[in-house]
N, C-alpha and C. Protein backbone atom coordinates (compact mmCIF):
# COMPACT_ATOMS: atom_id res chain seq x y z
N UNK A 1 -90.25 -47.18 0.71
CA UNK A 1 -89.16 -48.33 0.90
C UNK A 1 -89.07 -48.65 2.40
N UNK A 2 -88.94 -49.95 2.58
CA UNK A 2 -88.82 -50.55 3.98
C UNK A 2 -87.61 -50.05 4.78
N UNK A 3 -87.65 -50.06 6.00
CA UNK A 3 -86.59 -49.67 6.77
C UNK A 3 -85.39 -50.60 6.65
N UNK A 4 -85.67 -51.79 6.35
CA UNK A 4 -84.59 -52.86 6.06
C UNK A 4 -83.75 -52.33 4.75
N UNK A 5 -84.60 -51.95 3.70
CA UNK A 5 -83.96 -51.52 2.57
C UNK A 5 -83.14 -50.37 2.84
N UNK A 6 -83.64 -49.36 3.49
CA UNK A 6 -82.82 -48.21 3.82
C UNK A 6 -81.41 -48.42 4.61
N UNK A 7 -81.57 -49.42 5.43
CA UNK A 7 -80.44 -49.74 6.29
C UNK A 7 -79.37 -50.33 5.37
N UNK A 8 -79.81 -51.33 4.44
CA UNK A 8 -78.83 -51.96 3.56
C UNK A 8 -78.32 -50.96 2.63
N UNK A 9 -79.27 -50.16 1.80
CA UNK A 9 -78.75 -49.19 0.86
C UNK A 9 -77.83 -47.96 1.61
N UNK A 10 -78.28 -47.85 2.87
CA UNK A 10 -77.43 -46.87 3.45
C UNK A 10 -75.93 -47.26 3.82
N UNK A 11 -75.48 -48.55 3.58
CA UNK A 11 -74.25 -48.97 3.87
C UNK A 11 -73.25 -48.22 2.64
N UNK A 12 -72.21 -47.47 3.13
CA UNK A 12 -71.48 -46.75 2.39
C UNK A 12 -70.60 -47.67 1.44
N UNK A 13 -70.39 -48.82 1.68
CA UNK A 13 -69.75 -49.92 0.97
C UNK A 13 -70.48 -50.65 -0.19
N UNK A 14 -71.82 -50.30 -0.07
CA UNK A 14 -72.76 -50.88 -1.02
C UNK A 14 -72.84 -50.05 -2.38
N UNK A 15 -72.63 -50.59 -3.54
CA UNK A 15 -72.90 -49.82 -4.66
C UNK A 15 -74.30 -49.09 -4.65
N UNK A 16 -74.27 -48.00 -5.41
CA UNK A 16 -75.47 -47.27 -5.43
C UNK A 16 -76.50 -47.88 -6.22
N UNK A 17 -77.77 -47.73 -5.97
CA UNK A 17 -78.86 -48.28 -6.76
C UNK A 17 -78.81 -48.12 -8.25
N UNK A 18 -79.16 -48.98 -8.99
CA UNK A 18 -79.17 -48.79 -10.51
C UNK A 18 -80.16 -48.02 -10.98
N UNK A 19 -81.38 -48.17 -10.39
CA UNK A 19 -82.56 -47.54 -10.61
C UNK A 19 -83.49 -47.27 -9.27
N UNK A 20 -84.22 -46.30 -9.35
CA UNK A 20 -85.02 -45.89 -8.08
C UNK A 20 -85.90 -47.12 -7.64
N UNK A 21 -86.33 -47.94 -8.62
CA UNK A 21 -87.30 -49.06 -8.28
C UNK A 21 -86.55 -50.30 -7.81
N UNK A 22 -85.07 -50.28 -7.82
CA UNK A 22 -84.48 -51.48 -7.42
C UNK A 22 -84.83 -51.82 -5.99
N UNK A 23 -85.22 -53.02 -5.77
CA UNK A 23 -85.65 -53.61 -4.45
C UNK A 23 -84.69 -54.67 -3.98
N UNK A 24 -84.51 -54.80 -2.68
CA UNK A 24 -83.71 -55.99 -2.06
C UNK A 24 -84.57 -57.04 -1.91
N UNK A 25 -84.17 -58.26 -2.37
CA UNK A 25 -85.10 -59.44 -2.43
C UNK A 25 -84.55 -60.26 -1.22
N UNK A 26 -83.21 -60.30 -1.11
CA UNK A 26 -82.66 -61.26 -0.10
C UNK A 26 -81.16 -60.80 0.25
N UNK A 27 -80.84 -61.02 1.61
CA UNK A 27 -79.52 -60.68 2.12
C UNK A 27 -79.12 -61.78 2.81
N UNK A 28 -78.00 -62.36 2.40
CA UNK A 28 -77.50 -63.72 2.97
C UNK A 28 -76.12 -63.53 3.48
N UNK A 29 -75.64 -64.25 4.73
CA UNK A 29 -74.43 -64.23 5.12
C UNK A 29 -74.02 -65.80 5.24
N UNK A 30 -72.71 -66.02 5.61
CA UNK A 30 -72.26 -67.38 5.93
C UNK A 30 -73.12 -67.86 7.04
N UNK A 31 -73.43 -69.16 7.03
CA UNK A 31 -74.29 -69.70 8.17
C UNK A 31 -73.87 -69.60 9.58
N UNK A 32 -74.79 -69.05 10.28
CA UNK A 32 -74.48 -68.63 11.70
C UNK A 32 -73.82 -69.84 12.47
N UNK A 33 -74.07 -71.20 12.17
CA UNK A 33 -73.58 -72.40 12.77
C UNK A 33 -71.96 -72.42 12.73
N UNK A 34 -71.43 -71.98 11.48
CA UNK A 34 -70.03 -71.86 11.43
C UNK A 34 -69.36 -70.76 12.25
N UNK A 35 -70.17 -69.71 12.43
CA UNK A 35 -69.54 -68.77 13.38
C UNK A 35 -69.56 -69.30 14.80
N UNK A 36 -70.53 -70.11 15.23
CA UNK A 36 -70.65 -70.68 16.51
C UNK A 36 -69.38 -71.73 16.60
N UNK A 37 -69.32 -72.38 15.60
CA UNK A 37 -68.18 -73.57 15.53
C UNK A 37 -66.74 -72.98 15.76
N UNK A 38 -66.72 -71.71 14.93
CA UNK A 38 -65.31 -71.00 15.04
C UNK A 38 -65.05 -70.56 16.50
N UNK A 39 -66.19 -69.97 17.12
CA UNK A 39 -66.14 -69.47 18.48
C UNK A 39 -65.59 -70.65 19.37
N UNK A 40 -66.38 -71.80 19.25
CA UNK A 40 -66.05 -72.96 20.11
C UNK A 40 -64.58 -73.39 20.18
N UNK A 41 -64.12 -73.40 18.63
CA UNK A 41 -62.84 -73.77 18.37
C UNK A 41 -61.78 -72.79 19.11
N UNK A 42 -62.00 -71.44 19.02
CA UNK A 42 -61.19 -70.65 19.73
C UNK A 42 -61.16 -70.77 21.17
N UNK A 43 -62.29 -70.84 21.84
CA UNK A 43 -62.28 -70.86 23.18
C UNK A 43 -62.15 -72.27 23.76
N UNK A 44 -62.03 -73.29 23.02
CA UNK A 44 -61.55 -74.58 23.48
C UNK A 44 -60.21 -74.59 24.18
N UNK A 45 -59.23 -73.87 23.65
CA UNK A 45 -57.97 -73.58 23.99
C UNK A 45 -58.16 -73.10 25.60
N UNK A 46 -59.02 -72.03 25.71
CA UNK A 46 -59.14 -71.36 27.11
C UNK A 46 -59.75 -72.47 28.06
N UNK A 47 -60.70 -73.24 27.53
CA UNK A 47 -61.42 -74.16 28.67
C UNK A 47 -60.28 -75.18 28.87
N UNK A 48 -59.42 -75.68 28.11
CA UNK A 48 -58.30 -76.57 28.25
C UNK A 48 -57.44 -76.05 29.43
N UNK A 49 -57.06 -74.81 29.23
CA UNK A 49 -56.26 -74.11 30.33
C UNK A 49 -56.93 -73.88 31.52
N UNK A 50 -58.21 -73.82 31.45
CA UNK A 50 -58.97 -73.64 32.68
C UNK A 50 -58.96 -74.97 33.45
N UNK A 51 -59.01 -75.95 32.81
CA UNK A 51 -59.05 -77.34 33.34
C UNK A 51 -57.67 -77.65 34.02
N UNK A 52 -56.59 -77.27 33.36
CA UNK A 52 -55.26 -77.47 33.94
C UNK A 52 -55.09 -76.52 35.03
N UNK A 53 -55.70 -75.57 35.09
CA UNK A 53 -55.68 -74.65 36.49
C UNK A 53 -55.78 -75.42 37.71
N UNK A 54 -56.95 -76.26 37.60
CA UNK A 54 -57.15 -77.15 38.73
C UNK A 54 -55.94 -77.99 39.27
N UNK A 55 -55.11 -78.46 38.18
CA UNK A 55 -54.04 -79.23 38.48
C UNK A 55 -52.90 -78.25 39.20
N UNK A 56 -52.86 -77.05 38.56
CA UNK A 56 -51.78 -76.10 39.22
C UNK A 56 -52.09 -75.79 40.55
N UNK A 57 -53.44 -75.45 40.71
CA UNK A 57 -53.89 -74.86 41.92
C UNK A 57 -53.84 -75.91 43.15
N UNK A 58 -53.81 -77.27 42.73
CA UNK A 58 -53.63 -78.41 43.67
C UNK A 58 -52.18 -78.40 44.26
N UNK A 59 -51.36 -77.58 43.81
CA UNK A 59 -49.88 -77.53 44.21
C UNK A 59 -49.79 -76.67 45.31
N UNK A 60 -50.66 -75.84 45.51
CA UNK A 60 -50.61 -74.72 46.61
C UNK A 60 -49.44 -73.84 46.67
N UNK A 61 -49.18 -73.57 45.38
CA UNK A 61 -47.93 -72.55 45.13
C UNK A 61 -48.58 -71.33 44.83
N UNK A 62 -48.49 -70.27 45.42
CA UNK A 62 -49.13 -68.96 45.08
C UNK A 62 -48.45 -68.40 43.82
N UNK A 63 -47.14 -68.55 43.86
CA UNK A 63 -46.37 -67.84 42.70
C UNK A 63 -46.63 -68.61 41.42
N UNK A 64 -46.75 -69.90 41.47
CA UNK A 64 -47.13 -70.52 40.21
C UNK A 64 -48.45 -70.37 39.80
N UNK A 65 -49.40 -70.48 40.68
CA UNK A 65 -50.85 -70.24 40.41
C UNK A 65 -51.05 -68.72 39.81
N UNK A 66 -50.31 -67.80 40.51
CA UNK A 66 -50.47 -66.38 39.94
C UNK A 66 -49.89 -66.21 38.54
N UNK A 67 -48.79 -66.89 38.23
CA UNK A 67 -48.13 -66.83 36.82
C UNK A 67 -49.16 -67.58 35.95
N UNK A 68 -49.68 -68.66 36.29
CA UNK A 68 -50.62 -69.41 35.45
C UNK A 68 -51.85 -68.64 35.05
N UNK A 69 -52.37 -68.00 36.18
CA UNK A 69 -53.60 -66.92 35.98
C UNK A 69 -53.35 -65.95 35.11
N UNK A 70 -52.28 -65.30 35.19
CA UNK A 70 -51.84 -64.31 34.29
C UNK A 70 -51.67 -64.75 32.86
N UNK A 71 -51.10 -65.94 32.57
CA UNK A 71 -50.86 -66.41 31.23
C UNK A 71 -52.30 -66.73 30.68
N UNK A 72 -53.18 -67.31 31.68
CA UNK A 72 -54.56 -67.74 31.16
C UNK A 72 -55.42 -66.50 30.71
N UNK A 73 -55.30 -65.52 31.46
CA UNK A 73 -56.33 -64.44 31.31
C UNK A 73 -55.78 -63.74 29.98
N UNK A 74 -54.42 -63.75 29.83
CA UNK A 74 -53.74 -63.08 28.65
C UNK A 74 -54.19 -63.85 27.23
N UNK A 75 -54.18 -65.15 27.42
CA UNK A 75 -54.71 -65.99 26.31
C UNK A 75 -56.16 -65.56 26.04
N UNK A 76 -56.98 -65.51 27.07
CA UNK A 76 -58.40 -65.27 26.98
C UNK A 76 -58.56 -63.87 26.24
N UNK A 77 -57.80 -62.89 26.54
CA UNK A 77 -57.88 -61.55 26.02
C UNK A 77 -57.59 -61.76 24.60
N UNK A 78 -56.61 -62.36 24.18
CA UNK A 78 -56.16 -62.69 22.65
C UNK A 78 -57.14 -63.34 21.98
N UNK A 79 -57.73 -64.33 22.62
CA UNK A 79 -58.77 -65.11 21.95
C UNK A 79 -60.08 -64.26 21.66
N UNK A 80 -60.52 -63.52 22.61
CA UNK A 80 -61.51 -62.46 22.47
C UNK A 80 -61.31 -61.52 21.39
N UNK A 81 -60.21 -61.05 21.19
CA UNK A 81 -59.79 -60.05 20.02
C UNK A 81 -59.94 -60.81 18.80
N UNK A 82 -59.33 -62.02 18.81
CA UNK A 82 -59.36 -62.92 17.51
C UNK A 82 -60.88 -63.17 17.19
N UNK A 83 -61.67 -63.47 18.18
CA UNK A 83 -63.17 -63.67 17.75
C UNK A 83 -63.77 -62.50 17.31
N UNK A 84 -63.59 -61.28 17.85
CA UNK A 84 -64.11 -59.97 17.47
C UNK A 84 -63.74 -59.84 15.94
N UNK A 85 -62.63 -60.15 15.55
CA UNK A 85 -62.17 -59.93 14.17
C UNK A 85 -62.83 -60.94 13.40
N UNK A 86 -63.00 -62.15 13.82
CA UNK A 86 -63.80 -63.18 12.94
C UNK A 86 -65.25 -62.71 12.74
N UNK A 87 -65.91 -62.20 13.93
CA UNK A 87 -67.23 -61.71 13.79
C UNK A 87 -67.30 -60.42 12.99
N UNK A 88 -66.34 -59.66 12.91
CA UNK A 88 -66.18 -58.44 12.14
C UNK A 88 -66.36 -58.87 10.64
N UNK A 89 -65.45 -59.76 10.17
CA UNK A 89 -65.29 -60.09 8.83
C UNK A 89 -66.68 -60.88 8.52
N UNK A 90 -67.21 -61.65 9.39
CA UNK A 90 -68.33 -62.51 9.22
C UNK A 90 -69.73 -61.40 9.00
N UNK A 91 -69.71 -60.49 9.78
CA UNK A 91 -70.90 -59.56 9.66
C UNK A 91 -70.78 -58.52 8.33
N UNK A 92 -69.64 -58.37 8.02
CA UNK A 92 -69.66 -57.54 6.80
C UNK A 92 -69.37 -58.11 5.53
N UNK A 93 -69.31 -59.49 5.56
CA UNK A 93 -69.32 -60.23 4.36
C UNK A 93 -70.86 -60.65 4.08
N UNK A 94 -71.24 -60.32 2.91
CA UNK A 94 -72.71 -60.54 2.58
C UNK A 94 -73.07 -60.50 1.19
N UNK A 95 -74.09 -61.27 0.73
CA UNK A 95 -74.45 -61.22 -0.55
C UNK A 95 -76.05 -60.60 -0.57
N UNK A 96 -76.08 -59.75 -1.54
CA UNK A 96 -77.41 -59.11 -1.68
C UNK A 96 -78.00 -59.42 -3.08
N UNK A 97 -79.33 -60.04 -2.96
CA UNK A 97 -79.96 -60.21 -4.29
C UNK A 97 -80.97 -59.17 -4.31
N UNK A 98 -80.97 -58.34 -5.52
CA UNK A 98 -81.98 -57.27 -5.75
C UNK A 98 -82.85 -57.71 -6.95
N UNK A 99 -83.72 -56.85 -7.23
CA UNK A 99 -84.56 -57.02 -8.37
C UNK A 99 -83.80 -56.88 -9.73
N UNK A 100 -82.48 -56.27 -9.64
CA UNK A 100 -81.89 -56.02 -10.76
C UNK A 100 -80.59 -56.78 -10.96
N UNK A 101 -79.95 -57.09 -9.88
CA UNK A 101 -78.68 -57.83 -9.86
C UNK A 101 -78.19 -58.52 -8.59
N UNK A 102 -77.06 -59.07 -8.67
CA UNK A 102 -76.53 -59.81 -7.49
C UNK A 102 -75.37 -58.94 -7.12
N UNK A 103 -75.25 -58.65 -5.66
CA UNK A 103 -74.08 -57.98 -5.23
C UNK A 103 -73.36 -58.83 -4.10
N UNK A 104 -72.14 -58.90 -4.34
CA UNK A 104 -71.13 -59.81 -3.58
C UNK A 104 -70.14 -58.94 -2.75
N UNK A 105 -70.27 -58.86 -1.45
CA UNK A 105 -69.39 -58.01 -0.55
C UNK A 105 -68.56 -59.06 0.28
N UNK A 106 -67.31 -58.97 0.16
CA UNK A 106 -66.49 -59.98 0.92
C UNK A 106 -65.46 -59.15 1.69
N UNK A 107 -65.44 -59.53 3.01
CA UNK A 107 -64.40 -58.84 3.87
C UNK A 107 -63.54 -59.94 4.38
N UNK A 108 -62.35 -60.21 3.58
CA UNK A 108 -61.49 -61.16 4.03
C UNK A 108 -60.57 -60.96 5.10
N UNK A 109 -60.40 -59.53 5.50
CA UNK A 109 -59.66 -59.17 6.54
C UNK A 109 -60.09 -57.90 7.13
N UNK A 110 -59.45 -57.35 8.19
CA UNK A 110 -59.84 -56.21 8.88
C UNK A 110 -59.93 -54.95 7.97
N UNK A 111 -58.91 -54.72 7.23
CA UNK A 111 -58.71 -53.56 6.37
C UNK A 111 -58.93 -53.88 4.81
N UNK A 112 -59.44 -54.95 4.48
CA UNK A 112 -59.71 -55.22 3.17
C UNK A 112 -61.12 -55.62 2.70
N UNK A 113 -61.63 -54.90 1.68
CA UNK A 113 -63.19 -55.36 1.44
C UNK A 113 -63.14 -55.44 -0.15
N UNK A 114 -63.79 -56.25 -0.63
CA UNK A 114 -64.08 -56.69 -2.17
C UNK A 114 -65.48 -56.49 -2.43
N UNK A 115 -65.80 -55.75 -3.34
CA UNK A 115 -67.24 -55.69 -3.60
C UNK A 115 -67.45 -55.76 -5.18
N UNK A 116 -68.24 -56.74 -5.58
CA UNK A 116 -68.55 -56.92 -7.03
C UNK A 116 -69.94 -57.22 -7.24
N UNK A 117 -70.53 -57.10 -8.57
CA UNK A 117 -71.92 -57.21 -8.88
C UNK A 117 -71.93 -57.76 -10.36
N UNK A 118 -73.19 -58.39 -10.60
CA UNK A 118 -73.38 -58.70 -11.94
C UNK A 118 -74.99 -58.65 -12.13
N UNK A 119 -75.48 -58.39 -13.23
CA UNK A 119 -76.85 -58.19 -13.57
C UNK A 119 -77.24 -59.75 -14.11
N UNK A 120 -78.49 -59.98 -13.93
CA UNK A 120 -79.12 -61.36 -14.35
C UNK A 120 -78.65 -61.93 -15.72
N UNK A 121 -78.61 -60.93 -16.72
CA UNK A 121 -78.32 -61.28 -18.05
C UNK A 121 -77.08 -62.00 -18.17
N UNK A 122 -76.08 -61.61 -17.36
CA UNK A 122 -74.79 -62.21 -17.58
C UNK A 122 -74.54 -63.56 -16.86
N UNK A 123 -75.57 -64.04 -16.04
CA UNK A 123 -75.58 -65.32 -15.42
C UNK A 123 -75.89 -66.38 -16.46
N UNK A 124 -75.06 -67.27 -16.45
CA UNK A 124 -75.28 -68.38 -17.40
C UNK A 124 -75.75 -69.59 -16.73
N UNK A 125 -75.26 -69.85 -15.39
CA UNK A 125 -75.74 -71.06 -14.87
C UNK A 125 -75.79 -70.82 -13.28
N UNK A 126 -76.71 -71.51 -12.52
CA UNK A 126 -76.84 -71.61 -11.24
C UNK A 126 -76.83 -72.72 -10.63
N UNK A 127 -76.02 -73.19 -9.83
CA UNK A 127 -75.94 -74.43 -8.98
C UNK A 127 -75.67 -74.22 -7.53
N UNK A 128 -75.78 -75.27 -6.80
CA UNK A 128 -75.35 -75.29 -5.36
C UNK A 128 -74.53 -76.64 -5.11
N UNK A 129 -73.84 -76.51 -4.09
CA UNK A 129 -73.10 -77.57 -3.83
C UNK A 129 -73.07 -77.96 -2.26
N UNK A 130 -73.11 -79.04 -1.77
CA UNK A 130 -73.06 -79.37 -0.37
C UNK A 130 -71.93 -80.45 -0.36
N UNK A 131 -70.77 -80.11 0.35
CA UNK A 131 -69.47 -80.86 0.27
C UNK A 131 -69.38 -81.92 1.05
N UNK A 132 -69.99 -81.97 2.38
CA UNK A 132 -69.67 -83.00 3.25
C UNK A 132 -70.97 -83.25 4.10
N UNK A 133 -70.80 -84.17 5.06
CA UNK A 133 -71.90 -84.54 6.09
C UNK A 133 -72.47 -83.34 6.78
N UNK A 134 -71.44 -82.50 7.29
CA UNK A 134 -71.79 -81.21 8.18
C UNK A 134 -72.80 -80.35 7.34
N UNK A 135 -72.37 -80.26 5.95
CA UNK A 135 -73.23 -79.43 5.04
C UNK A 135 -74.51 -80.03 5.07
N UNK A 136 -74.85 -81.38 4.74
CA UNK A 136 -75.96 -81.75 4.78
C UNK A 136 -76.92 -81.76 6.16
N UNK A 137 -76.07 -82.05 7.15
CA UNK A 137 -76.80 -82.00 8.51
C UNK A 137 -77.27 -80.53 8.86
N UNK A 138 -76.36 -79.69 8.60
CA UNK A 138 -76.79 -78.19 9.01
C UNK A 138 -77.43 -77.50 7.92
N UNK A 139 -77.59 -78.03 6.76
CA UNK A 139 -78.34 -77.41 5.52
C UNK A 139 -77.59 -76.17 5.24
N UNK A 140 -76.39 -76.22 4.89
CA UNK A 140 -75.68 -75.11 4.33
C UNK A 140 -74.76 -75.52 3.25
N UNK A 141 -74.26 -74.60 2.34
CA UNK A 141 -73.49 -75.02 1.30
C UNK A 141 -73.15 -73.78 0.45
N UNK A 142 -72.58 -74.17 -0.86
CA UNK A 142 -72.15 -73.00 -1.65
C UNK A 142 -73.22 -72.79 -2.78
N UNK A 143 -73.54 -71.65 -3.09
CA UNK A 143 -74.14 -71.34 -4.28
C UNK A 143 -73.35 -70.64 -5.38
N UNK A 144 -73.35 -71.42 -6.55
CA UNK A 144 -72.40 -70.99 -7.49
C UNK A 144 -73.03 -70.35 -8.84
N UNK A 145 -72.51 -69.11 -9.12
CA UNK A 145 -73.23 -68.42 -10.29
C UNK A 145 -72.06 -68.42 -11.41
N UNK A 146 -72.15 -69.09 -12.33
CA UNK A 146 -71.27 -68.87 -13.62
C UNK A 146 -71.72 -67.81 -14.46
N UNK A 147 -70.79 -66.84 -14.59
CA UNK A 147 -71.22 -65.66 -15.36
C UNK A 147 -70.35 -65.51 -16.80
N UNK A 148 -70.89 -64.82 -17.55
CA UNK A 148 -70.17 -64.45 -18.86
C UNK A 148 -69.19 -63.50 -18.53
N UNK A 149 -68.01 -63.69 -19.23
CA UNK A 149 -67.02 -62.63 -18.98
C UNK A 149 -66.25 -62.88 -17.55
N UNK A 150 -65.60 -61.61 -17.06
CA UNK A 150 -64.94 -61.89 -15.84
C UNK A 150 -65.67 -60.97 -14.79
N UNK A 151 -66.77 -60.99 -14.61
CA UNK A 151 -67.57 -60.18 -13.63
C UNK A 151 -67.31 -60.47 -12.31
N UNK A 152 -67.00 -61.68 -11.97
CA UNK A 152 -66.68 -62.10 -10.56
C UNK A 152 -65.33 -62.58 -10.41
N UNK A 153 -64.93 -63.50 -9.71
CA UNK A 153 -63.58 -64.01 -9.47
C UNK A 153 -63.52 -65.46 -9.60
N UNK A 154 -62.38 -65.89 -9.92
CA UNK A 154 -62.20 -67.28 -10.31
C UNK A 154 -61.50 -67.93 -8.93
N UNK A 155 -62.28 -69.00 -8.48
CA UNK A 155 -62.07 -69.60 -7.21
C UNK A 155 -61.14 -70.74 -7.47
N UNK A 156 -60.64 -71.66 -6.45
CA UNK A 156 -59.89 -72.61 -6.53
C UNK A 156 -60.51 -73.77 -7.43
N UNK A 157 -61.74 -73.92 -7.75
CA UNK A 157 -62.39 -74.93 -8.50
C UNK A 157 -62.30 -74.47 -9.93
N UNK A 158 -61.90 -73.11 -10.27
CA UNK A 158 -61.73 -72.76 -11.61
C UNK A 158 -63.09 -72.28 -12.09
N UNK A 159 -63.81 -71.69 -11.08
CA UNK A 159 -65.15 -71.14 -11.31
C UNK A 159 -65.03 -69.64 -11.73
N UNK A 160 -65.41 -69.21 -12.94
CA UNK A 160 -65.51 -67.81 -13.24
C UNK A 160 -66.83 -67.20 -12.85
N UNK A 161 -66.94 -66.40 -11.79
CA UNK A 161 -68.24 -65.93 -11.41
C UNK A 161 -68.37 -65.62 -9.98
N UNK A 162 -69.44 -65.95 -9.32
CA UNK A 162 -69.67 -65.77 -7.97
C UNK A 162 -69.90 -67.00 -7.19
N UNK A 163 -69.48 -67.17 -6.05
CA UNK A 163 -69.62 -68.15 -5.11
C UNK A 163 -70.10 -67.79 -3.70
N UNK A 164 -71.20 -67.97 -3.31
CA UNK A 164 -71.65 -67.73 -1.98
C UNK A 164 -71.21 -68.85 -1.05
N UNK A 165 -70.33 -68.67 -0.36
CA UNK A 165 -69.65 -69.68 0.39
C UNK A 165 -70.49 -70.11 1.73
N UNK A 166 -70.75 -71.30 2.00
CA UNK A 166 -71.29 -71.68 3.17
C UNK A 166 -72.52 -71.07 3.71
N UNK A 167 -73.63 -70.87 2.70
CA UNK A 167 -74.83 -69.86 3.12
C UNK A 167 -75.80 -71.00 3.46
N UNK A 168 -76.84 -70.56 4.32
CA UNK A 168 -77.84 -71.39 4.64
C UNK A 168 -78.87 -71.63 3.55
N UNK A 169 -79.67 -72.82 3.51
CA UNK A 169 -80.68 -73.15 2.58
C UNK A 169 -80.11 -72.90 1.08
N UNK A 170 -78.95 -73.43 0.64
CA UNK A 170 -78.47 -73.07 -0.72
C UNK A 170 -79.38 -73.56 -1.71
N UNK A 171 -80.25 -74.55 -1.66
CA UNK A 171 -81.07 -74.89 -2.72
C UNK A 171 -82.07 -73.78 -2.98
N UNK A 172 -82.74 -73.28 -2.00
CA UNK A 172 -83.69 -72.09 -2.10
C UNK A 172 -82.99 -70.99 -2.63
N UNK A 173 -81.89 -70.52 -2.34
CA UNK A 173 -81.23 -69.54 -2.78
C UNK A 173 -80.86 -69.63 -4.25
N UNK A 174 -80.34 -70.62 -4.72
CA UNK A 174 -80.15 -71.05 -6.06
C UNK A 174 -81.27 -71.07 -6.70
N UNK A 175 -82.48 -71.54 -6.37
CA UNK A 175 -83.77 -71.51 -7.21
C UNK A 175 -84.21 -70.12 -7.23
N UNK A 176 -84.10 -69.20 -6.16
CA UNK A 176 -84.61 -67.92 -6.26
C UNK A 176 -83.76 -67.17 -7.35
N UNK A 177 -82.46 -67.23 -7.37
CA UNK A 177 -81.64 -66.56 -8.34
C UNK A 177 -81.86 -67.12 -9.71
N UNK A 178 -82.12 -68.36 -9.81
CA UNK A 178 -82.45 -69.02 -11.15
C UNK A 178 -83.63 -68.55 -11.86
N UNK A 179 -84.76 -68.43 -10.92
CA UNK A 179 -86.13 -67.93 -11.42
C UNK A 179 -86.03 -66.34 -11.92
N UNK A 180 -85.13 -65.47 -11.19
CA UNK A 180 -84.90 -64.30 -11.57
C UNK A 180 -83.86 -64.10 -12.86
N UNK A 181 -83.11 -65.14 -12.96
CA UNK A 181 -82.40 -65.09 -14.26
C UNK A 181 -83.08 -65.52 -15.46
N UNK A 182 -84.05 -66.48 -15.19
CA UNK A 182 -84.86 -66.93 -16.43
C UNK A 182 -85.94 -65.73 -16.69
N UNK A 183 -86.43 -65.13 -15.76
CA UNK A 183 -87.39 -63.99 -15.95
C UNK A 183 -86.72 -63.02 -16.89
N UNK A 184 -85.53 -62.63 -16.24
CA UNK A 184 -84.66 -61.60 -17.09
C UNK A 184 -84.33 -62.03 -18.43
N UNK A 185 -83.91 -63.28 -18.74
CA UNK A 185 -83.51 -63.83 -20.03
C UNK A 185 -84.84 -63.76 -20.82
N UNK A 186 -86.07 -64.10 -20.34
CA UNK A 186 -87.22 -64.02 -21.06
C UNK A 186 -87.63 -62.63 -21.47
N UNK A 187 -87.40 -61.67 -20.55
CA UNK A 187 -87.79 -60.20 -20.88
C UNK A 187 -86.80 -59.71 -21.97
N UNK A 188 -85.51 -60.20 -21.93
CA UNK A 188 -84.61 -59.86 -23.02
C UNK A 188 -85.04 -60.47 -24.33
N UNK A 189 -85.49 -61.67 -24.41
CA UNK A 189 -86.04 -62.20 -25.73
C UNK A 189 -87.22 -61.49 -26.18
N UNK A 190 -88.20 -61.05 -25.32
CA UNK A 190 -89.26 -60.34 -25.60
C UNK A 190 -88.91 -58.97 -26.06
N UNK A 191 -87.98 -58.23 -25.41
CA UNK A 191 -87.56 -56.99 -25.95
C UNK A 191 -86.83 -57.14 -27.39
N UNK A 192 -86.08 -58.24 -27.55
CA UNK A 192 -85.52 -58.25 -28.88
C UNK A 192 -86.63 -58.62 -29.90
N UNK A 193 -87.58 -59.50 -29.64
CA UNK A 193 -88.68 -59.77 -30.59
C UNK A 193 -89.34 -58.51 -30.95
N UNK A 194 -89.70 -57.65 -29.94
CA UNK A 194 -90.30 -56.45 -30.06
C UNK A 194 -89.57 -55.53 -31.06
N UNK A 195 -88.29 -55.38 -30.89
CA UNK A 195 -87.45 -54.62 -31.59
C UNK A 195 -87.30 -55.05 -33.11
N UNK A 196 -87.24 -56.39 -33.20
CA UNK A 196 -87.20 -56.91 -34.48
C UNK A 196 -88.61 -56.67 -35.37
N UNK A 197 -89.69 -56.79 -34.56
CA UNK A 197 -90.87 -56.65 -35.22
C UNK A 197 -91.16 -55.18 -35.62
N UNK A 198 -90.52 -54.36 -34.82
CA UNK A 198 -90.59 -52.73 -35.04
C UNK A 198 -89.74 -52.55 -36.27
N UNK A 199 -88.63 -53.19 -36.36
CA UNK A 199 -87.84 -52.91 -37.47
C UNK A 199 -88.43 -53.53 -38.90
N UNK A 200 -88.92 -54.56 -38.65
CA UNK A 200 -89.63 -55.22 -39.71
C UNK A 200 -90.79 -54.33 -40.28
N UNK A 201 -91.54 -53.80 -39.27
CA UNK A 201 -92.58 -52.89 -39.60
C UNK A 201 -92.19 -51.61 -40.35
N UNK A 202 -91.03 -51.17 -40.09
CA UNK A 202 -90.44 -49.99 -40.78
C UNK A 202 -90.13 -50.28 -42.25
N UNK A 203 -89.56 -51.52 -42.38
CA UNK A 203 -89.16 -51.96 -43.84
C UNK A 203 -90.32 -52.10 -44.58
N UNK A 204 -91.39 -52.92 -44.03
CA UNK A 204 -92.50 -53.16 -44.76
C UNK A 204 -93.15 -51.73 -45.14
N UNK A 205 -93.12 -50.68 -44.20
CA UNK A 205 -93.77 -49.32 -44.58
C UNK A 205 -93.06 -48.68 -45.70
N UNK A 206 -91.72 -48.89 -45.64
CA UNK A 206 -91.05 -48.21 -46.77
C UNK A 206 -91.27 -48.78 -48.08
N UNK A 207 -91.46 -50.06 -48.05
CA UNK A 207 -91.72 -50.87 -49.38
C UNK A 207 -93.00 -50.47 -49.98
N UNK A 208 -93.96 -50.31 -48.99
CA UNK A 208 -95.27 -50.00 -49.19
C UNK A 208 -95.39 -48.47 -49.91
N UNK A 209 -94.58 -47.46 -49.33
CA UNK A 209 -94.48 -46.20 -49.79
C UNK A 209 -93.81 -46.27 -51.35
N UNK A 210 -92.91 -47.07 -51.52
CA UNK A 210 -92.28 -47.07 -52.62
C UNK A 210 -93.32 -47.62 -53.84
């Protein structure tokens, strides 16, 4: 097993392997560009405050400059903590595609984690969606897995299954999962046909003996 596989399977929040031969094919997170945009959005406030400090410092009033600096660095500390929480949730939210199933790990907040999985047999449809110009320009979007039953979660669009939100190269990921799903479906048909043939063989053998 590769060191990468050991690192992923060693995650205590990841479900155990279904079989010893289960291999990791792909690990994907939200597109890195979105994390960078969130960081820029957070620190934009700080840069605005930094600009207005020039205005305050022009007054040459030590007390006001000192108070402004205190407020500005307090805001910077709060923004840094906020970004660390955003990065924490980003890093621990991931989707794992293995040879046997799909695992979805969502970290919506600091102390909340949701983990669900489904086998390829339960996947009914695989699609992807790019919602806007930014999706097209940066090549990220949603990969949607419609599943049988309630193995996943129903989102705001009424999708019962799994949604990989804002992942890079959604077309390639959707195609990869679709290929695995079709291969699993074909294997299921082959197993069913083999079982039917075996049952039919037994029936013929019994009639022959009679």
